[in-house]
């Protein structure tokens, strides 16, 4: 029926893209039951992800499902630690931060280790990031506010150089001062690892053609120090 409808509207590229999206969604629904079936996973694997620990089982399950989705060829997977934004520590920093770290640390390590053991890490970019950096000063007595001047995240696999710590802040942790990587530079680097040239990847927006990083304005460039030789 989709094809017959398309025949009545030749040259409509958006219609063809919509049909392909529907077909992809249908294939995903048919495959989901098998992909999300954990009965074939070993007890050792489940334990590595923390499924036997009530504190981390929900996040561990998400990480294990992420590995299974990647293994099945899903191209983009995003994992959240649960409802809300637990990293947004505007208050109760000393109690809330250890709690969420205890929930996420072990499953995160398990995911990366599992991908590596299965030969998937080299072709998978693992990006761990939150919403903002945090200021080195207190807020509301026991919290910390957002910091747009310094922000830490980590990558694994996908062509990133392993075992590398890159960049430094000032002595107070307020502002990045050494080897600062801007957001456009980070986007350019990730697109490069995905086989895309950020200066040539374009899309229409607001009546003009834009690039992924707007490099002519931002000066975005690939940070080669982050990449394997």
N, C-alpha and C. Protein backbone atom coordinates (compact mmCIF):
# COMPACT_ATOMS: atom_id res chain seq x y z
N UNK A 1 0.82 -1.20 0.00
CA UNK A 1 0.00 0.00 0.00
C UNK A 1 0.86 1.26 0.00
N UNK A 2 1.94 1.21 0.78
CA UNK A 2 2.87 2.35 0.78
C UNK A 2 3.46 2.58 -0.59
N UNK A 3 3.85 1.49 -1.24
CA UNK A 3 4.46 1.62 -2.57
C UNK A 3 3.46 2.16 -3.59
N UNK A 4 2.22 1.71 -3.52
CA UNK A 4 1.21 2.21 -4.45
C UNK A 4 0.96 3.69 -4.22
N UNK A 5 0.93 4.08 -2.94
CA UNK A 5 0.76 5.50 -2.62
C UNK A 5 1.94 6.32 -3.13
N UNK A 6 3.14 5.74 -3.00
CA UNK A 6 4.32 6.45 -3.48
C UNK A 6 4.30 6.62 -4.99
N UNK A 7 3.78 5.62 -5.71
CA UNK A 7 3.70 5.71 -7.16
C UNK A 7 2.83 6.88 -7.60
N UNK A 8 1.87 7.26 -6.77
CA UNK A 8 0.99 8.39 -7.09
C UNK A 8 1.66 9.73 -6.82
N UNK A 9 2.80 9.70 -6.12
CA UNK A 9 3.51 10.94 -5.76
C UNK A 9 5.00 10.78 -6.07
N UNK A 10 5.35 10.65 -7.33
CA UNK A 10 6.76 10.47 -7.69
C UNK A 10 7.61 11.69 -7.33
N UNK A 11 8.83 11.42 -6.96
CA UNK A 11 9.75 12.52 -6.65
C UNK A 11 9.63 13.05 -5.24
N UNK A 12 8.77 12.46 -4.41
CA UNK A 12 8.62 12.91 -3.03
C UNK A 12 9.61 12.15 -2.14
N UNK A 13 10.81 12.70 -1.97
CA UNK A 13 11.85 12.01 -1.20
C UNK A 13 11.46 11.86 0.27
N UNK A 14 10.74 12.83 0.82
CA UNK A 14 10.33 12.74 2.21
C UNK A 14 9.36 11.58 2.43
N UNK A 15 8.51 11.32 1.42
CA UNK A 15 7.58 10.20 1.52
C UNK A 15 8.34 8.89 1.56
N UNK A 16 9.35 8.76 0.72
CA UNK A 16 10.17 7.55 0.70
C UNK A 16 10.88 7.35 2.05
N UNK A 17 11.39 8.44 2.62
CA UNK A 17 12.05 8.36 3.92
C UNK A 17 11.07 7.93 5.01
N UNK A 18 9.83 8.45 4.94
CA UNK A 18 8.82 8.07 5.93
C UNK A 18 8.48 6.58 5.82
N UNK A 19 8.37 6.08 4.61
CA UNK A 19 8.08 4.66 4.41
C UNK A 19 9.20 3.81 4.99
N UNK A 20 10.45 4.21 4.73
CA UNK A 20 11.59 3.46 5.25
C UNK A 20 11.60 3.48 6.78
N UNK A 21 11.21 4.61 7.38
CA UNK A 21 11.15 4.69 8.84
C UNK A 21 10.11 3.74 9.40
N UNK A 22 8.94 3.68 8.76
CA UNK A 22 7.89 2.76 9.21
C UNK A 22 8.36 1.31 9.10
N UNK A 23 9.04 0.99 8.00
CA UNK A 23 9.50 -0.38 7.81
C UNK A 23 10.56 -0.75 8.84
N UNK A 24 11.43 0.21 9.15
CA UNK A 24 12.45 -0.03 10.18
C UNK A 24 11.79 -0.25 11.54
N UNK A 25 10.78 0.57 11.86
CA UNK A 25 10.07 0.42 13.13
C UNK A 25 9.41 -0.96 13.22
N UNK A 26 8.85 -1.42 12.12
CA UNK A 26 8.20 -2.74 12.12
C UNK A 26 9.22 -3.85 12.36
N UNK A 27 10.38 -3.74 11.72
CA UNK A 27 11.42 -4.76 11.92
C UNK A 27 11.92 -4.74 13.36
N UNK A 28 12.03 -3.55 13.94
CA UNK A 28 12.48 -3.44 15.33
C UNK A 28 11.48 -4.08 16.28
N UNK A 29 10.19 -3.87 16.03
CA UNK A 29 9.17 -4.48 16.89
C UNK A 29 9.22 -6.00 16.82
N UNK A 30 9.44 -6.54 15.62
CA UNK A 30 9.48 -7.98 15.46
C UNK A 30 10.71 -8.59 16.14
N UNK A 31 11.79 -7.83 16.16
CA UNK A 31 13.04 -8.34 16.73
C UNK A 31 13.18 -8.06 18.21
N UNK A 32 12.36 -7.16 18.75
CA UNK A 32 12.55 -6.69 20.12
C UNK A 32 12.44 -7.80 21.15
N UNK A 33 11.48 -8.70 20.97
CA UNK A 33 11.27 -9.76 21.96
C UNK A 33 12.52 -10.61 22.15
N UNK A 34 13.19 -10.92 21.05
CA UNK A 34 14.40 -11.74 21.14
C UNK A 34 15.56 -10.94 21.72
N UNK A 35 15.67 -9.69 21.29
CA UNK A 35 16.79 -8.86 21.76
C UNK A 35 16.70 -8.61 23.26
N UNK A 36 15.51 -8.43 23.77
CA UNK A 36 15.34 -8.10 25.18
C UNK A 36 15.15 -9.32 26.08
N UNK A 37 15.30 -10.51 25.52
CA UNK A 37 15.19 -11.74 26.29
C UNK A 37 16.51 -12.00 27.01
N UNK A 38 16.47 -11.98 28.34
CA UNK A 38 17.68 -12.15 29.13
C UNK A 38 17.92 -13.59 29.57
N UNK A 39 17.04 -14.49 29.17
CA UNK A 39 17.15 -15.87 29.64
C UNK A 39 18.41 -16.56 29.14
N UNK A 40 18.97 -16.08 28.05
CA UNK A 40 20.17 -16.69 27.48
C UNK A 40 21.46 -16.12 28.06
N UNK A 41 21.33 -15.10 28.91
CA UNK A 41 22.52 -14.50 29.52
C UNK A 41 22.97 -15.33 30.71
N UNK A 42 24.27 -15.48 30.87
CA UNK A 42 24.81 -16.28 31.97
C UNK A 42 24.61 -15.55 33.30
N UNK A 43 24.65 -16.32 34.37
CA UNK A 43 24.53 -15.73 35.70
C UNK A 43 25.72 -14.82 36.00
N UNK A 44 26.88 -15.20 35.47
CA UNK A 44 28.08 -14.36 35.68
C UNK A 44 27.90 -13.00 35.02
N UNK A 45 27.31 -12.99 33.82
CA UNK A 45 27.06 -11.73 33.12
C UNK A 45 26.06 -10.88 33.89
N UNK A 46 24.99 -11.49 34.34
CA UNK A 46 23.97 -10.76 35.10
C UNK A 46 24.57 -10.17 36.37
N UNK A 47 25.42 -10.94 37.03
CA UNK A 47 26.04 -10.46 38.26
C UNK A 47 27.00 -9.30 37.98
N UNK A 48 27.73 -9.40 36.85
CA UNK A 48 28.66 -8.33 36.49
C UNK A 48 27.93 -7.00 36.30
N UNK A 49 26.72 -7.06 35.77
CA UNK A 49 25.91 -5.85 35.56
C UNK A 49 25.17 -5.43 36.83
N UNK A 50 25.29 -6.21 37.89
CA UNK A 50 24.67 -5.85 39.15
C UNK A 50 23.21 -6.19 39.27
N UNK A 51 22.73 -7.14 38.46
CA UNK A 51 21.31 -7.48 38.52
C UNK A 51 20.92 -8.19 39.82
N UNK A 52 21.93 -8.67 40.56
CA UNK A 52 21.65 -9.32 41.84
C UNK A 52 21.68 -8.33 43.00
N UNK A 53 21.92 -7.05 42.68
CA UNK A 53 22.03 -6.01 43.70
C UNK A 53 20.88 -5.02 43.53
N UNK A 54 19.95 -4.94 44.49
CA UNK A 54 18.80 -4.05 44.34
C UNK A 54 19.15 -2.60 44.09
N UNK A 55 20.31 -2.16 44.58
CA UNK A 55 20.69 -0.75 44.42
C UNK A 55 20.99 -0.40 42.97
N UNK A 56 21.50 -1.34 42.22
CA UNK A 56 21.93 -1.04 40.85
C UNK A 56 21.24 -1.88 39.79
N UNK A 57 20.30 -2.73 40.17
CA UNK A 57 19.69 -3.66 39.23
C UNK A 57 18.97 -2.96 38.09
N UNK A 58 18.25 -1.87 38.37
CA UNK A 58 17.48 -1.21 37.32
C UNK A 58 18.39 -0.59 36.27
N UNK A 59 19.47 0.06 36.72
CA UNK A 59 20.41 0.64 35.76
C UNK A 59 21.23 -0.45 35.08
N UNK A 60 21.60 -1.47 35.84
CA UNK A 60 22.33 -2.59 35.25
C UNK A 60 21.55 -3.26 34.15
N UNK A 61 20.24 -3.39 34.33
CA UNK A 61 19.39 -3.98 33.30
C UNK A 61 19.40 -3.13 32.05
N UNK A 62 19.36 -1.82 32.22
CA UNK A 62 19.41 -0.92 31.06
C UNK A 62 20.73 -1.08 30.30
N UNK A 63 21.83 -1.19 31.05
CA UNK A 63 23.14 -1.35 30.41
C UNK A 63 23.24 -2.68 29.66
N UNK A 64 22.71 -3.73 30.26
CA UNK A 64 22.74 -5.03 29.61
C UNK A 64 21.88 -5.02 28.35
N UNK A 65 20.72 -4.39 28.40
CA UNK A 65 19.89 -4.27 27.21
C UNK A 65 20.58 -3.43 26.14
N UNK A 66 21.34 -2.42 26.57
CA UNK A 66 22.09 -1.60 25.62
C UNK A 66 23.10 -2.46 24.86
N UNK A 67 23.81 -3.33 25.59
CA UNK A 67 24.76 -4.23 24.91
C UNK A 67 24.07 -5.14 23.92
N UNK A 68 22.91 -5.66 24.29
CA UNK A 68 22.18 -6.56 23.40
C UNK A 68 21.67 -5.81 22.16
N UNK A 69 21.25 -4.56 22.34
CA UNK A 69 20.81 -3.76 21.20
C UNK A 69 21.97 -3.47 20.26
N UNK A 70 23.12 -3.11 20.82
CA UNK A 70 24.30 -2.84 20.00
C UNK A 70 24.72 -4.10 19.26
N UNK A 71 24.69 -5.22 19.96
CA UNK A 71 25.05 -6.50 19.38
C UNK A 71 24.12 -6.85 18.22
N UNK A 72 22.88 -6.37 18.28
CA UNK A 72 21.90 -6.66 17.24
C UNK A 72 21.94 -5.65 16.09
N UNK A 73 22.82 -4.66 16.19
CA UNK A 73 22.99 -3.73 15.08
C UNK A 73 22.30 -2.40 15.24
N UNK A 74 21.72 -2.13 16.42
CA UNK A 74 21.11 -0.82 16.64
C UNK A 74 22.21 0.23 16.65
N UNK A 75 22.00 1.31 15.91
CA UNK A 75 23.09 2.26 15.67
C UNK A 75 23.26 3.32 16.74
N UNK A 76 22.19 3.58 17.50
CA UNK A 76 22.29 4.61 18.54
C UNK A 76 21.49 4.15 19.74
N UNK A 77 22.12 4.10 20.89
CA UNK A 77 21.47 3.67 22.13
C UNK A 77 21.78 4.69 23.21
N UNK A 78 20.77 5.15 23.91
CA UNK A 78 20.97 6.10 25.01
C UNK A 78 20.47 5.46 26.29
N UNK A 79 21.29 5.49 27.34
CA UNK A 79 20.97 4.85 28.61
C UNK A 79 20.82 5.93 29.69
N UNK A 80 19.70 5.88 30.41
CA UNK A 80 19.45 6.81 31.51
C UNK A 80 19.46 6.03 32.83
N UNK A 81 19.87 6.67 33.91
CA UNK A 81 19.90 5.95 35.20
C UNK A 81 18.53 5.79 35.84
N UNK A 82 17.49 6.33 35.26
CA UNK A 82 16.16 6.21 35.83
C UNK A 82 15.37 7.47 35.60
N UNK A 83 14.29 7.64 36.32
CA UNK A 83 13.45 8.82 36.15
C UNK A 83 14.14 10.06 36.71
N UNK A 84 13.79 11.19 36.12
CA UNK A 84 14.35 12.45 36.61
C UNK A 84 15.80 12.63 36.20
N UNK A 85 16.48 13.58 36.87
CA UNK A 85 17.87 13.90 36.57
C UNK A 85 18.65 13.84 37.89
N UNK A 86 19.09 12.65 38.29
CA UNK A 86 19.71 12.51 39.61
C UNK A 86 21.06 13.20 39.75
N UNK A 87 21.69 13.53 38.62
CA UNK A 87 23.00 14.19 38.69
C UNK A 87 22.87 15.69 38.96
N UNK A 88 21.67 16.22 38.92
CA UNK A 88 21.47 17.66 39.04
C UNK A 88 21.52 18.07 40.50
N UNK A 89 22.73 18.06 41.05
CA UNK A 89 22.93 18.14 42.50
C UNK A 89 22.94 19.59 43.00
N UNK A 90 21.79 20.23 42.94
CA UNK A 90 21.67 21.57 43.50
C UNK A 90 21.56 21.54 45.02
N UNK A 91 21.35 20.35 45.57
CA UNK A 91 21.26 20.22 47.03
C UNK A 91 21.63 18.79 47.41
N UNK A 92 21.89 18.57 48.69
CA UNK A 92 22.17 17.25 49.24
C UNK A 92 23.30 16.53 48.49
N UNK A 93 24.34 17.26 48.18
CA UNK A 93 25.44 16.72 47.37
C UNK A 93 26.09 15.51 48.02
N UNK A 94 26.35 15.59 49.33
CA UNK A 94 27.12 14.53 50.00
C UNK A 94 26.33 13.23 50.13
N UNK A 95 25.02 13.30 50.06
CA UNK A 95 24.23 12.07 50.14
C UNK A 95 23.78 11.58 48.77
N UNK A 96 23.43 12.52 47.88
CA UNK A 96 22.87 12.13 46.58
C UNK A 96 23.95 11.66 45.61
N UNK A 97 25.12 12.30 45.60
CA UNK A 97 26.15 11.91 44.64
C UNK A 97 26.69 10.51 44.89
N UNK A 98 27.03 10.15 46.13
CA UNK A 98 27.45 8.76 46.37
C UNK A 98 26.36 7.74 46.03
N UNK A 99 25.10 8.11 46.23
CA UNK A 99 24.00 7.19 45.94
C UNK A 99 23.91 6.88 44.45
N UNK A 100 23.99 7.90 43.62
CA UNK A 100 23.86 7.66 42.18
C UNK A 100 25.13 7.03 41.62
N UNK A 101 26.29 7.35 42.18
CA UNK A 101 27.53 6.70 41.74
C UNK A 101 27.51 5.22 42.07
N UNK A 102 27.00 4.88 43.25
CA UNK A 102 26.89 3.48 43.64
C UNK A 102 25.96 2.72 42.71
N UNK A 103 24.98 3.42 42.18
CA UNK A 103 24.00 2.80 41.28
C UNK A 103 24.56 2.58 39.87
N UNK A 104 25.45 3.45 39.44
CA UNK A 104 25.86 3.45 38.02
C UNK A 104 27.26 2.94 37.74
N UNK A 105 28.17 2.99 38.70
CA UNK A 105 29.57 2.68 38.43
C UNK A 105 29.77 1.25 37.92
N UNK A 106 29.30 0.27 38.67
CA UNK A 106 29.55 -1.12 38.29
C UNK A 106 28.90 -1.49 36.96
N UNK A 107 27.62 -1.16 36.71
CA UNK A 107 27.04 -1.50 35.41
C UNK A 107 27.73 -0.82 34.24
N UNK A 108 28.21 0.40 34.45
CA UNK A 108 28.91 1.10 33.37
C UNK A 108 30.20 0.38 33.00
N UNK A 109 30.96 -0.03 34.01
CA UNK A 109 32.19 -0.79 33.77
C UNK A 109 31.86 -2.12 33.09
N UNK A 110 30.77 -2.75 33.52
CA UNK A 110 30.37 -4.02 32.92
C UNK A 110 30.04 -3.86 31.45
N UNK A 111 29.34 -2.79 31.10
CA UNK A 111 28.97 -2.56 29.70
C UNK A 111 30.21 -2.41 28.82
N UNK A 112 31.14 -1.58 29.26
CA UNK A 112 32.35 -1.37 28.46
C UNK A 112 33.17 -2.66 28.36
N UNK A 113 33.31 -3.36 29.47
CA UNK A 113 34.08 -4.61 29.48
C UNK A 113 33.41 -5.67 28.60
N UNK A 114 32.10 -5.72 28.65
CA UNK A 114 31.34 -6.70 27.86
C UNK A 114 31.48 -6.41 26.37
N UNK A 115 31.37 -5.15 26.00
CA UNK A 115 31.56 -4.77 24.60
C UNK A 115 32.95 -5.15 24.11
N UNK A 116 33.95 -4.89 24.95
CA UNK A 116 35.33 -5.22 24.57
C UNK A 116 35.51 -6.72 24.42
N UNK A 117 34.96 -7.50 25.36
CA UNK A 117 35.12 -8.96 25.32
C UNK A 117 34.46 -9.56 24.08
N UNK A 118 33.42 -8.92 23.58
CA UNK A 118 32.70 -9.43 22.43
C UNK A 118 33.19 -8.83 21.11
N UNK A 119 34.26 -8.06 21.16
CA UNK A 119 34.81 -7.48 19.95
C UNK A 119 34.00 -6.34 19.37
N UNK A 120 33.18 -5.71 20.21
CA UNK A 120 32.30 -4.65 19.74
C UNK A 120 32.79 -3.24 20.08
N UNK A 121 33.77 -3.15 20.98
CA UNK A 121 34.14 -1.82 21.49
C UNK A 121 34.83 -0.98 20.42
N UNK A 122 35.65 -1.59 19.58
CA UNK A 122 36.35 -0.81 18.56
C UNK A 122 35.41 -0.15 17.57
N UNK A 123 34.24 -0.72 17.38
CA UNK A 123 33.27 -0.16 16.44
C UNK A 123 32.13 0.57 17.15
N UNK A 124 32.25 0.76 18.45
CA UNK A 124 31.21 1.43 19.24
C UNK A 124 31.81 2.57 20.03
N UNK A 125 31.25 3.75 19.90
CA UNK A 125 31.66 4.88 20.73
C UNK A 125 30.79 4.89 21.99
N UNK A 126 31.42 4.77 23.14
CA UNK A 126 30.72 4.91 24.41
C UNK A 126 31.00 6.30 24.94
N UNK A 127 29.94 7.07 25.08
CA UNK A 127 30.07 8.45 25.57
C UNK A 127 29.31 8.57 26.87
N UNK A 128 30.01 8.96 27.92
CA UNK A 128 29.40 9.15 29.24
C UNK A 128 29.41 10.64 29.55
N UNK A 129 28.24 11.23 29.71
CA UNK A 129 28.18 12.67 29.96
C UNK A 129 26.92 13.01 30.73
N UNK A 130 26.96 14.11 31.44
CA UNK A 130 25.79 14.66 32.10
C UNK A 130 25.35 15.92 31.40
N UNK A 131 24.63 16.77 32.11
CA UNK A 131 24.06 17.95 31.47
C UNK A 131 25.01 19.15 31.51
N UNK A 132 25.75 19.32 32.60
CA UNK A 132 26.65 20.46 32.77
C UNK A 132 27.83 20.03 33.64
N UNK A 133 28.83 20.92 33.71
CA UNK A 133 29.80 20.80 34.78
C UNK A 133 29.19 21.38 36.05
N UNK A 134 29.90 21.27 37.14
CA UNK A 134 29.41 21.82 38.40
C UNK A 134 30.42 22.83 38.94
N UNK A 135 29.91 23.89 39.53
CA UNK A 135 30.77 24.94 40.08
C UNK A 135 31.55 24.44 41.30
N UNK A 136 32.72 25.02 41.56
CA UNK A 136 33.50 24.63 42.75
C UNK A 136 33.00 25.31 44.02
N UNK A 137 31.93 26.08 43.93
CA UNK A 137 31.37 26.76 45.09
C UNK A 137 30.04 26.11 45.48
N UNK A 138 29.66 26.27 46.75
CA UNK A 138 28.42 25.65 47.22
C UNK A 138 27.20 26.47 46.81
N UNK A 139 26.08 25.77 46.74
CA UNK A 139 24.80 26.40 46.46
C UNK A 139 23.78 25.85 47.45
N UNK A 140 22.96 26.72 48.01
CA UNK A 140 21.94 26.28 48.97
C UNK A 140 22.56 25.48 50.12
N UNK A 141 23.75 25.83 50.49
CA UNK A 141 24.46 25.24 51.64
C UNK A 141 25.06 23.87 51.35
N UNK A 142 24.37 23.00 50.59
CA UNK A 142 24.87 21.64 50.40
C UNK A 142 24.73 21.14 48.97
N UNK A 143 24.74 22.07 48.00
CA UNK A 143 24.66 21.69 46.60
C UNK A 143 25.63 22.47 45.74
N UNK A 144 25.58 22.22 44.43
CA UNK A 144 26.43 22.96 43.50
C UNK A 144 25.64 23.30 42.24
N UNK A 145 25.86 24.50 41.75
CA UNK A 145 25.12 24.97 40.58
C UNK A 145 25.85 24.57 39.29
N UNK A 146 25.23 24.86 38.16
CA UNK A 146 25.81 24.53 36.86
C UNK A 146 27.08 25.32 36.59
N UNK A 147 27.96 24.73 35.78
CA UNK A 147 29.18 25.41 35.35
C UNK A 147 29.37 25.16 33.86
N UNK A 148 29.27 26.21 33.07
CA UNK A 148 29.44 26.06 31.63
C UNK A 148 30.90 26.21 31.19
N UNK A 149 31.77 26.54 32.12
CA UNK A 149 33.16 26.82 31.77
C UNK A 149 34.09 25.62 31.94
N UNK A 150 33.63 24.59 32.62
CA UNK A 150 34.44 23.39 32.81
C UNK A 150 33.50 22.19 32.93
N UNK A 151 33.82 21.14 32.21
CA UNK A 151 32.88 20.02 32.11
C UNK A 151 33.68 18.77 31.78
N UNK A 152 33.50 17.73 32.57
CA UNK A 152 34.23 16.48 32.35
C UNK A 152 33.30 15.41 31.81
N UNK A 153 33.81 14.60 30.89
CA UNK A 153 33.11 13.43 30.38
C UNK A 153 34.15 12.43 29.92
N UNK A 154 33.71 11.20 29.63
CA UNK A 154 34.69 10.25 29.13
C UNK A 154 34.15 9.48 27.95
N UNK A 155 35.09 9.01 27.13
CA UNK A 155 34.78 8.18 25.98
C UNK A 155 35.54 6.87 26.09
N UNK A 156 34.97 5.86 25.47
CA UNK A 156 35.66 4.57 25.35
C UNK A 156 35.35 4.00 23.97
N UNK A 157 36.34 3.33 23.40
CA UNK A 157 36.13 2.65 22.12
C UNK A 157 36.01 3.58 20.95
N UNK A 158 35.58 3.02 19.82
CA UNK A 158 35.24 3.80 18.65
C UNK A 158 36.34 4.62 18.03
N UNK A 159 37.60 4.34 18.35
CA UNK A 159 38.70 5.12 17.78
C UNK A 159 39.29 6.15 18.72
N UNK A 160 38.70 6.32 19.91
CA UNK A 160 39.29 7.22 20.90
C UNK A 160 40.52 6.57 21.53
N UNK A 161 41.51 7.38 21.85
CA UNK A 161 42.75 6.89 22.45
C UNK A 161 42.48 6.41 23.87
N UNK A 162 42.82 5.17 24.19
CA UNK A 162 42.54 4.64 25.54
C UNK A 162 43.54 5.17 26.57
N UNK A 163 43.11 5.24 27.81
CA UNK A 163 43.99 5.61 28.91
C UNK A 163 44.46 7.05 28.89
N UNK A 164 43.74 7.92 28.20
CA UNK A 164 44.16 9.31 28.05
C UNK A 164 43.32 10.23 28.93
N UNK A 165 44.00 11.10 29.70
CA UNK A 165 43.33 12.19 30.39
C UNK A 165 43.70 13.47 29.67
N UNK A 166 42.73 14.20 29.20
CA UNK A 166 43.00 15.35 28.32
C UNK A 166 42.32 16.60 28.88
N UNK A 167 43.11 17.66 29.03
CA UNK A 167 42.57 18.94 29.49
C UNK A 167 42.72 19.15 30.99
N UNK A 168 42.78 20.42 31.37
CA UNK A 168 42.89 20.79 32.79
C UNK A 168 42.08 22.06 33.04
N UNK A 169 41.67 22.22 34.29
CA UNK A 169 41.03 23.47 34.71
C UNK A 169 42.04 24.31 35.48
N UNK A 170 41.60 25.48 35.89
CA UNK A 170 42.40 26.28 36.81
C UNK A 170 42.43 25.58 38.17
N UNK A 171 43.16 26.16 39.11
CA UNK A 171 43.34 25.53 40.42
C UNK A 171 42.04 25.36 41.19
N UNK A 172 41.02 26.14 40.83
CA UNK A 172 39.75 26.07 41.55
C UNK A 172 38.72 25.16 40.88
N UNK A 173 39.04 24.65 39.69
CA UNK A 173 38.08 23.84 38.97
C UNK A 173 36.94 24.63 38.36
N UNK A 174 37.19 25.93 38.14
CA UNK A 174 36.12 26.79 37.63
C UNK A 174 36.09 26.87 36.10
N UNK A 175 37.27 26.91 35.47
CA UNK A 175 37.31 27.15 34.03
C UNK A 175 38.38 26.28 33.39
N UNK A 176 38.05 25.70 32.23
CA UNK A 176 39.04 24.93 31.48
C UNK A 176 40.12 25.87 30.96
N UNK A 177 41.38 25.51 31.21
CA UNK A 177 42.48 26.39 30.83
C UNK A 177 43.52 25.72 29.94
N UNK A 178 43.63 24.40 30.00
CA UNK A 178 44.64 23.67 29.22
C UNK A 178 43.92 22.66 28.33
N UNK A 179 44.24 22.69 27.03
CA UNK A 179 43.64 21.76 26.06
C UNK A 179 42.11 21.76 26.15
N UNK A 180 41.54 22.94 26.14
CA UNK A 180 40.09 23.06 26.19
C UNK A 180 39.47 22.51 24.91
N UNK A 181 38.45 21.67 25.05
CA UNK A 181 37.72 21.12 23.90
C UNK A 181 36.32 21.73 23.91
N UNK A 182 36.02 22.54 22.91
CA UNK A 182 34.70 23.16 22.85
C UNK A 182 33.67 22.14 22.39
N UNK A 183 32.41 22.46 22.56
CA UNK A 183 31.34 21.56 22.10
C UNK A 183 31.40 21.35 20.59
N UNK A 184 31.59 22.41 19.77
CA UNK A 184 31.72 22.17 18.33
C UNK A 184 32.92 21.29 17.97
N UNK A 185 34.04 21.46 18.68
CA UNK A 185 35.20 20.60 18.43
C UNK A 185 34.89 19.14 18.77
N UNK A 186 34.17 18.94 19.87
CA UNK A 186 33.80 17.60 20.26
C UNK A 186 32.87 16.97 19.23
N UNK A 187 31.91 17.74 18.74
CA UNK A 187 31.00 17.24 17.71
C UNK A 187 31.75 16.91 16.43
N UNK A 188 32.68 17.76 16.04
CA UNK A 188 33.48 17.51 14.84
C UNK A 188 34.28 16.23 14.98
N UNK A 189 34.83 15.99 16.17
CA UNK A 189 35.63 14.79 16.42
C UNK A 189 34.78 13.53 16.36
N UNK A 190 33.62 13.58 16.98
CA UNK A 190 32.74 12.42 16.96
C UNK A 190 32.24 12.11 15.54
N UNK A 191 31.88 13.15 14.80
CA UNK A 191 31.43 12.94 13.42
C UNK A 191 32.55 12.34 12.58
N UNK A 192 33.78 12.78 12.83
CA UNK A 192 34.93 12.23 12.11
C UNK A 192 35.04 10.73 12.35
N UNK A 193 34.87 10.31 13.60
CA UNK A 193 34.96 8.89 13.92
C UNK A 193 33.80 8.09 13.32
N UNK A 194 32.70 8.77 13.04
CA UNK A 194 31.56 8.13 12.39
C UNK A 194 31.69 8.15 10.87
N UNK A 195 32.82 8.68 10.38
CA UNK A 195 33.05 8.70 8.94
C UNK A 195 32.42 9.89 8.24
N UNK A 196 32.13 10.95 8.99
CA UNK A 196 31.46 12.12 8.41
C UNK A 196 32.35 13.36 8.56
N UNK A 197 32.40 14.15 7.50
CA UNK A 197 33.13 15.42 7.52
C UNK A 197 32.18 16.50 8.00
N UNK A 198 32.46 17.09 9.15
CA UNK A 198 31.52 18.05 9.74
C UNK A 198 31.36 19.30 8.90
N UNK A 199 32.30 19.58 8.00
CA UNK A 199 32.18 20.76 7.15
C UNK A 199 31.33 20.50 5.91
N UNK A 200 31.10 19.23 5.61
CA UNK A 200 30.33 18.87 4.41
C UNK A 200 28.95 18.30 4.74
N UNK A 201 28.73 17.93 5.98
CA UNK A 201 27.42 17.43 6.38
C UNK A 201 26.49 18.62 6.58
N UNK A 202 25.52 18.78 5.70
CA UNK A 202 24.66 19.96 5.72
C UNK A 202 23.20 19.58 5.88
N UNK A 203 22.41 20.56 6.32
CA UNK A 203 20.97 20.38 6.44
C UNK A 203 20.30 21.75 6.32
N UNK A 204 19.08 21.79 5.76
CA UNK A 204 18.37 23.07 5.63
C UNK A 204 17.76 23.49 6.96
N UNK A 205 17.91 24.75 7.31
CA UNK A 205 17.34 25.26 8.56
C UNK A 205 17.07 26.75 8.43
N UNK A 206 15.83 27.14 8.63
CA UNK A 206 15.49 28.57 8.61
C UNK A 206 15.78 29.24 7.29
N UNK A 207 15.67 28.50 6.20
CA UNK A 207 15.87 29.10 4.89
C UNK A 207 17.30 29.13 4.41
N UNK A 208 18.22 28.55 5.17
CA UNK A 208 19.61 28.49 4.70
C UNK A 208 20.20 27.12 5.02
N UNK A 209 21.29 26.82 4.32
CA UNK A 209 21.97 25.54 4.52
C UNK A 209 22.98 25.70 5.65
N UNK A 210 22.89 24.83 6.64
CA UNK A 210 23.81 24.87 7.77
C UNK A 210 24.62 23.59 7.83
N UNK A 211 25.79 23.69 8.46
CA UNK A 211 26.61 22.51 8.69
C UNK A 211 26.41 22.05 10.13
N UNK A 212 26.89 20.87 10.43
CA UNK A 212 26.66 20.29 11.76
C UNK A 212 27.31 21.10 12.88
N UNK A 213 28.43 21.75 12.58
CA UNK A 213 29.16 22.48 13.62
C UNK A 213 29.26 23.98 13.36
N UNK A 214 28.74 24.44 12.21
CA UNK A 214 28.85 25.86 11.84
C UNK A 214 30.30 26.32 11.95
N UNK A 215 31.18 25.55 11.33
CA UNK A 215 32.62 25.72 11.54
C UNK A 215 33.13 27.10 11.12
N UNK A 216 32.49 27.73 10.13
CA UNK A 216 32.97 29.06 9.71
C UNK A 216 32.80 30.09 10.82
N UNK A 217 31.87 29.85 11.74
CA UNK A 217 31.66 30.76 12.87
C UNK A 217 32.37 30.26 14.12
N UNK A 218 32.25 28.96 14.41
CA UNK A 218 32.80 28.41 15.65
C UNK A 218 34.26 28.03 15.55
N UNK A 219 34.76 27.85 14.31
CA UNK A 219 36.13 27.38 14.14
C UNK A 219 36.31 25.93 14.51
N UNK A 220 35.25 25.16 14.49
CA UNK A 220 35.29 23.76 14.91
C UNK A 220 36.29 22.96 14.09
N UNK A 221 37.01 22.08 14.75
CA UNK A 221 37.96 21.19 14.08
C UNK A 221 38.12 19.90 14.87
N UNK A 222 38.54 18.86 14.20
CA UNK A 222 38.75 17.57 14.82
C UNK A 222 39.93 17.65 15.80
N UNK A 223 39.74 17.17 17.01
CA UNK A 223 40.81 17.16 18.01
C UNK A 223 41.57 15.84 17.85
N UNK A 224 42.62 15.87 17.07
CA UNK A 224 43.34 14.64 16.73
C UNK A 224 44.08 14.02 17.91
N UNK A 225 44.37 14.83 18.95
CA UNK A 225 45.06 14.30 20.13
C UNK A 225 44.22 13.25 20.86
N UNK A 226 42.90 13.29 20.63
CA UNK A 226 42.01 12.35 21.30
C UNK A 226 41.91 11.00 20.60
N UNK A 227 42.46 10.93 19.40
CA UNK A 227 42.23 9.75 18.55
C UNK A 227 43.44 8.83 18.50
N UNK A 228 43.15 7.58 18.30
CA UNK A 228 44.23 6.62 18.07
C UNK A 228 44.96 6.97 16.79
N UNK A 229 46.23 6.61 16.73
CA UNK A 229 47.02 6.91 15.54
C UNK A 229 46.48 6.13 14.35
